[in-house]
């Protein structure tokens, strides 16, 4: 839905404490193309979100451009039409010791729960992660264009999630440490110094 649909919900001047929260993920978008086309999609989405009488936040986003991350589609069975080629890593061990931490069956062909999309389920102790379609340099460029688009348009944005043990494109901490999300200073911060 175009967020302009929501503009008539409240009278002008009656928007105190009203926020339009938008969740934008390219992981479920049509097949991702070049870095430039990924960045253009973010810019186009931000253009659609601009010009509201409400504060606009993107309450969830990630750097993922495919649906390979472990259980991403299958837990809620979104039946994604994507046919991405995923990379695979050894699934993490339980954090808690026995009997509380129960490991998966690492000999099983498929480890559930899973739905109809069998793209991102554990197999033989291996978990899917995003494909290696984009290089580290590409991910830096995507990260910078995302931050530029969001910081120039939105009142706030929150990456989902802070930490992910397998997938850096879903982990703010990992993406920040890798340099993909280099903080950008705004003019107000520079003037304060």
Foldseek 3Di string as FASTA:
>chain_A
DQCVVCQVVDDVVPQVPPEAEAADELQLPPQDDALVRLLVVLLVVLVSVFDGSYAYEHAEYWLANHQQFACSCFVVPPVRPDDDDWDKDFDDFFPDDPPVGDGFQLQAQFTDDGDDDRRFTDGNRIGTEGHPPDDLVSLLSSLVSNCVSDVVRGPYYQYADCDDPPYLRRHVVSCVVSNSNDDDDDPVVVVVD
